[in-house]
Amino acid sequence: MKKYQIIYKDLEKLSMSKSIKWETFSPTEQELVQSYQVSRDTIRKALTLLVEEGLVKKFMALALQVINQEQINFPVSDLTSYQELMEQQGIDSQTNVISLDKIIVDSKLSEKLDSPVANKFGVLSVREWLRLYLLVDIDYLDAKLIPQLNRDIAKHSIYDYLEKSSQPQYFPCLLKKSLSIMLTEQDKILIDLGKDLHVVCIRSKVYLSNGKQFQFTESRHKLEKFKFVDYAKRHPLKEKAQLTEKVSNTLVRYFLVFTNRIC
């Protein structure tokens, strides 16, 4: 291993160890030259690797600021609003609502909705943390269920607002999610991607307790700032069989209701 690679590994461990506080400045090039007794060119090669890995930012060719390496725990299977999730983890994050409009559902959008109706709200929001735009949410919501939706409600928790102002049958309670990794031109504009061009796309369908779809969301995450977690509980075979039968019966009931509506 070459000398600059050894120095890079040392500085990488230092930046990850929290011995240098995040957002503060690390030793200057001259201090590192004296500490390691190597040329400035060797130090610059090591620092270039740190910058490329997103561990530090370089200022004025001399000062280096250590970048916060924390990640947000994002539960894939939970039905929780972004604002509620941030409060649970004690994270200070801001939401910027870029647009909120009533829209007409076209054929392309109707493919994403189980029960398409013409009256929908389209909401585009960007989430900010550590002075980085790291998440874009694209929401389509049933305007009949929340006709008074405005930017202030969308900026905080739509679920919390709905649960406090609606009847129990209008509480969000069921969820379907799919996950993929993809990058769009919109991501390049709205998300601070840096060198890592990986974006995790989570598509969600949210249903009310009466079985009606309330929301379709496409959440686009800057990969390196999120840790995607999920939880599973093991059921004994007997309980699993009973649970499967219960789910099957529920699906049959929904199918019969849906068939009757069509007929």
Protein backbone atom coordinates (compact mmCIF):
# COMPACT_ATOMS: atom_id res chain seq x y z
CA MET A 1 0.00 0.00 0.00
CA LYS A 2 1.35 3.41 -0.96
CA LYS A 3 2.00 6.12 1.62
CA TYR A 4 -0.95 8.34 0.60
CA GLN A 5 -3.29 5.34 0.84
CA ILE A 6 -2.09 4.61 4.39
CA ILE A 7 -2.67 8.27 5.33
CA TYR A 8 -6.11 8.15 3.70
CA LYS A 9 -7.04 5.10 5.81
CA ASP A 10 -5.85 6.84 8.98
CA LEU A 11 -7.85 9.98 8.22
CA GLU A 12 -10.89 7.93 7.22
CA LYS A 13 -10.91 6.22 10.63
CA LEU A 14 -10.43 9.59 12.31
CA SER A 15 -13.38 11.20 10.50
CA MET A 16 -15.66 8.24 11.30
CA SER A 17 -14.62 7.96 14.97
CA LYS A 18 -16.25 11.24 16.09
CA SER A 19 -12.96 12.31 17.72
CA ILE A 20 -13.31 15.24 15.31
CA LYS A 21 -16.79 16.74 15.62
CA TRP A 22 -18.88 16.79 12.48
CA GLU A 23 -19.10 20.11 10.65
CA THR A 24 -15.84 21.23 12.28
CA PHE A 25 -12.50 21.59 10.51
CA SER A 26 -9.87 18.86 10.40
CA PRO A 27 -6.09 19.47 10.40
CA THR A 28 -4.80 21.65 7.56
CA GLU A 29 -2.56 20.33 4.79
CA GLN A 30 0.51 21.90 6.46
CA GLU A 31 -0.31 20.28 9.80
CA LEU A 32 -0.71 16.89 8.12
CA VAL A 33 2.58 17.33 6.22
CA GLN A 34 4.37 17.94 9.53
CA SER A 35 2.54 15.14 11.33
CA TYR A 36 3.22 12.44 8.72
CA GLN A 37 6.58 13.83 7.54
CA VAL A 38 5.64 13.50 3.86
CA SER A 39 5.37 15.83 0.90
CA ARG A 40 2.35 18.12 0.34
CA ASP A 41 1.59 16.18 -2.85
CA THR A 42 1.23 12.93 -0.85
CA ILE A 43 -1.16 14.62 1.60
CA ARG A 44 -3.22 16.07 -1.24
CA LYS A 45 -3.64 12.63 -2.81
CA ALA A 46 -4.96 11.29 0.49
CA LEU A 47 -7.30 14.26 0.95
CA THR A 48 -8.61 13.91 -2.60
CA LEU A 49 -9.75 10.38 -1.75
CA LEU A 50 -11.52 11.66 1.37
CA VAL A 51 -13.35 14.31 -0.65
CA GLU A 52 -14.35 11.78 -3.31
CA GLU A 53 -15.75 9.48 -0.60
CA GLY A 54 -17.85 12.33 0.78
CA LEU A 55 -16.12 12.30 4.16
CA VAL A 56 -14.87 15.89 4.05
CA LYS A 57 -15.48 19.11 2.15
CA LYS A 58 -12.58 21.17 0.87
CA PHE A 59 -12.46 24.95 1.36
CA MET A 60 -9.97 27.40 -0.09
CA ALA A 61 -7.58 24.54 -0.98
CA LEU A 62 -6.41 24.37 2.66
CA ALA A 63 -9.25 23.84 5.15
CA LEU A 64 -11.20 20.58 5.33
CA GLN A 65 -14.59 20.25 7.02
CA VAL A 66 -15.68 16.84 8.32
CA ILE A 67 -19.09 15.83 6.93
CA ASN A 68 -21.77 14.36 9.18
CA GLN A 69 -22.02 10.63 8.44
CA GLU A 70 -25.23 10.01 10.40
CA GLN A 71 -28.12 8.20 8.71
CA ILE A 72 -31.87 8.33 9.22
CA ASN A 73 -33.51 5.03 10.14
CA PHE A 74 -36.35 4.61 7.68
CA PRO A 75 -38.81 1.80 8.57
CA VAL A 76 -40.05 0.33 5.30
CA SER A 77 -43.17 -1.34 6.70
CA ASP A 78 -44.40 1.39 9.09
CA LEU A 79 -47.27 3.73 8.24
CA THR A 80 -45.70 6.87 9.71
CA SER A 81 -45.46 10.38 8.33
CA TYR A 82 -42.02 11.87 7.70
CA GLN A 83 -42.55 14.52 10.38
CA GLU A 84 -43.56 11.91 12.96
CA LEU A 85 -40.51 9.81 12.05
CA MET A 86 -38.17 12.79 12.56
CA GLU A 87 -39.72 13.57 15.96
CA GLN A 88 -39.31 9.93 17.05
CA GLN A 89 -35.59 10.02 16.19
CA GLY A 90 -34.97 13.53 17.52
CA ILE A 91 -33.87 14.81 14.11
CA ASP A 92 -34.19 18.46 13.11
CA SER A 93 -35.35 18.30 9.49
CA GLN A 94 -37.28 20.82 7.41
CA THR A 95 -39.94 20.22 4.76
CA ASN A 96 -40.31 22.53 1.78
CA VAL A 97 -43.62 22.15 -0.11
CA ILE A 98 -42.73 23.05 -3.69
CA SER A 99 -46.22 22.64 -5.15
CA LEU A 100 -49.75 21.72 -4.07
CA ASP A 101 -52.38 21.59 -6.77
CA LYS A 102 -55.67 19.94 -7.64
CA ILE A 103 -55.13 17.71 -10.64
CA ILE A 104 -57.03 15.60 -13.12
CA VAL A 105 -56.14 11.92 -13.10
CA ASP A 106 -54.94 10.84 -16.55
CA SER A 107 -54.54 7.28 -17.84
CA LYS A 108 -50.87 7.11 -16.80
CA LEU A 109 -51.60 8.16 -13.22
CA SER A 110 -54.70 5.97 -12.97
CA GLU A 111 -52.43 2.91 -13.32
CA LYS A 112 -50.98 3.76 -9.90
CA LEU A 113 -54.39 4.12 -8.22
CA ASP A 114 -56.77 1.33 -7.30
CA SER A 115 -59.83 3.56 -7.44
CA PRO A 116 -58.97 6.56 -9.62
CA VAL A 117 -61.13 9.65 -9.28
CA ALA A 118 -60.81 12.96 -11.07
CA ASN A 119 -60.45 15.03 -7.89
CA LYS A 120 -56.92 14.60 -6.51
CA PHE A 121 -54.34 16.74 -4.77
CA GLY A 122 -50.82 16.54 -6.16
CA VAL A 123 -48.14 17.51 -3.63
CA LEU A 124 -44.41 17.82 -4.30
CA SER A 125 -42.21 18.19 -1.21
CA VAL A 126 -38.47 18.24 -0.56
CA ARG A 127 -37.00 17.25 2.83
CA GLU A 128 -33.88 19.00 4.12
CA TRP A 129 -31.42 17.79 6.74
CA LEU A 130 -27.86 18.93 7.52
CA ARG A 131 -28.27 21.63 4.83
CA LEU A 132 -28.81 18.91 2.21
CA TYR A 133 -31.90 18.13 0.16
CA LEU A 134 -32.04 14.38 0.62
CA LEU A 135 -35.62 13.25 -0.03
CA VAL A 136 -38.35 14.09 -2.53
CA ASP A 137 -41.96 13.07 -1.86
CA ILE A 138 -44.53 13.01 -4.67
CA ASP A 139 -48.03 12.52 -3.24
CA TYR A 140 -51.46 12.04 -4.76
CA LEU A 141 -54.31 12.28 -2.25
CA ASP A 142 -58.09 11.95 -2.48
CA ALA A 143 -59.29 15.56 -2.34
CA LYS A 144 -62.78 14.51 -1.21
CA LEU A 145 -61.38 13.18 2.06
CA ILE A 146 -59.23 16.20 2.84
CA PRO A 147 -60.69 19.13 0.82
CA GLN A 148 -59.06 21.75 3.09
CA LEU A 149 -55.51 20.51 2.46
CA ASN A 150 -53.04 23.40 2.37
CA ARG A 151 -49.27 23.90 2.48
CA ASP A 152 -49.15 24.14 6.27
CA ILE A 153 -50.92 20.78 6.72
CA ALA A 154 -48.74 19.18 4.02
CA LYS A 155 -45.59 20.58 5.64
CA HIS A 156 -46.37 18.83 8.93
CA SER A 157 -48.31 15.56 9.22
CA ILE A 158 -51.30 14.91 6.97
CA TYR A 159 -51.99 11.70 8.93
CA ASP A 160 -52.05 13.54 12.24
CA TYR A 161 -54.40 16.17 10.83
CA LEU A 162 -56.72 13.55 9.36
CA GLU A 163 -56.84 11.51 12.56
CA LYS A 164 -57.70 14.57 14.66
CA SER A 165 -60.37 15.95 12.33
CA SER A 166 -62.05 12.88 10.77
CA GLN A 167 -64.21 9.90 11.71
CA PRO A 168 -62.42 6.58 12.52
CA GLN A 169 -63.31 5.07 9.13
CA TYR A 170 -61.11 7.75 7.53
CA PHE A 171 -57.96 6.89 9.48
CA PRO A 172 -55.01 5.64 7.34
CA CYS A 173 -54.40 2.06 8.43
CA LEU A 174 -53.31 -0.20 5.52
CA LEU A 175 -50.16 0.00 3.47
CA LYS A 176 -48.54 -1.52 0.37
CA LYS A 177 -44.95 -0.67 -0.55
CA SER A 178 -42.51 -1.49 -3.33
CA LEU A 179 -38.82 -0.56 -3.46
CA SER A 180 -36.45 0.00 -6.39
CA ILE A 181 -33.23 1.88 -7.17
CA MET A 182 -33.51 4.37 -10.01
CA LEU A 183 -32.43 7.90 -10.96
CA THR A 184 -34.52 10.52 -12.79
CA GLU A 185 -33.73 13.95 -14.20
CA GLN A 186 -35.94 15.44 -11.49
CA ASP A 187 -33.75 13.77 -8.83
CA LYS A 188 -30.67 15.48 -10.26
CA ILE A 189 -32.38 18.87 -9.85
CA LEU A 190 -34.08 18.46 -6.46
CA ILE A 191 -31.71 16.17 -4.48
CA ASP A 192 -28.14 17.02 -3.41
CA LEU A 193 -26.70 13.82 -4.83
CA GLY A 194 -22.98 14.57 -4.92
CA LYS A 195 -20.97 11.75 -6.47
CA ASP A 196 -23.34 9.01 -5.33
CA LEU A 197 -26.06 8.87 -7.99
CA HIS A 198 -28.04 6.09 -6.31
CA VAL A 199 -31.62 6.99 -5.41
CA VAL A 200 -33.94 4.58 -3.59
CA CYS A 201 -37.52 4.89 -4.80
CA ILE A 202 -40.29 3.65 -2.46
CA ARG A 203 -43.81 3.60 -3.87
CA SER A 204 -46.62 3.38 -1.31
CA LYS A 205 -50.36 2.91 -1.48
CA VAL A 206 -52.23 3.91 1.67
CA TYR A 207 -55.76 2.70 2.43
CA LEU A 208 -58.29 3.88 4.99
CA SER A 209 -59.92 1.65 7.58
CA ASN A 210 -62.96 1.41 5.26
CA GLY A 211 -60.76 -0.15 2.54
CA LYS A 212 -60.68 2.88 0.24
CA GLN A 213 -57.37 4.09 -1.18
CA PHE A 214 -56.48 7.50 0.19
CA GLN A 215 -52.95 8.14 -1.04
CA PHE A 216 -50.26 7.15 -3.51
CA THR A 217 -46.73 8.28 -2.65
CA GLU A 218 -43.43 8.05 -4.46
CA SER A 219 -40.56 8.79 -2.07
CA ARG A 220 -37.11 9.28 -3.57
CA HIS A 221 -34.23 8.97 -1.09
CA LYS A 222 -30.56 9.96 -1.27
CA LEU A 223 -29.18 6.47 -0.57
CA GLU A 224 -26.22 7.32 1.66
CA LYS A 225 -28.33 9.29 4.16
CA PHE A 226 -30.90 6.58 4.91
CA LYS A 227 -30.76 3.21 6.60
CA PHE A 228 -33.75 1.16 5.46
CA VAL A 229 -35.01 -1.13 8.20
CA ASP A 230 -37.85 -3.61 8.50
CA TYR A 231 -39.18 -5.83 11.23
CA ALA A 232 -40.68 -9.31 11.03
CA LYS A 233 -42.33 -11.46 13.67
CA ARG A 234 -42.24 -15.23 13.46
CA HIS A 235 -45.55 -17.04 14.00
CA PRO A 236 -45.82 -20.73 14.99
CA LEU A 237 -47.20 -22.89 12.17
CA LYS A 238 -50.65 -23.13 13.78
CA GLU A 239 -50.86 -19.34 14.23
CA LYS A 240 -49.51 -18.84 10.72
CA ALA A 241 -52.23 -21.07 9.24
CA GLN A 242 -54.91 -19.18 11.20
CA LEU A 243 -53.46 -15.85 10.09
CA THR A 244 -53.36 -16.99 6.44
CA GLU A 245 -57.00 -18.09 6.65
CA LYS A 246 -57.98 -14.75 8.21
CA VAL A 247 -56.16 -12.76 5.51
CA SER A 248 -57.68 -14.94 2.77
CA ASN A 249 -61.19 -14.40 4.13
CA THR A 250 -60.59 -10.64 4.28
CA LEU A 251 -59.37 -10.59 0.68
CA VAL A 252 -62.41 -12.58 -0.44
CA ARG A 253 -64.73 -10.10 1.27
CA TYR A 254 -62.98 -7.15 -0.40
CA PHE A 255 -63.18 -8.94 -3.76
CA LEU A 256 -66.92 -9.56 -3.37
CA VAL A 257 -67.53 -5.92 -2.41
CA PHE A 258 -65.45 -4.71 -5.34
CA THR A 259 -67.28 -7.11 -7.73
CA ASN A 260 -70.68 -5.91 -6.53
CA ARG A 261 -69.62 -2.31 -7.12
CA ILE A 262 -68.68 -3.10 -10.71
CA CYS A 263 -71.92 -5.00 -11.32
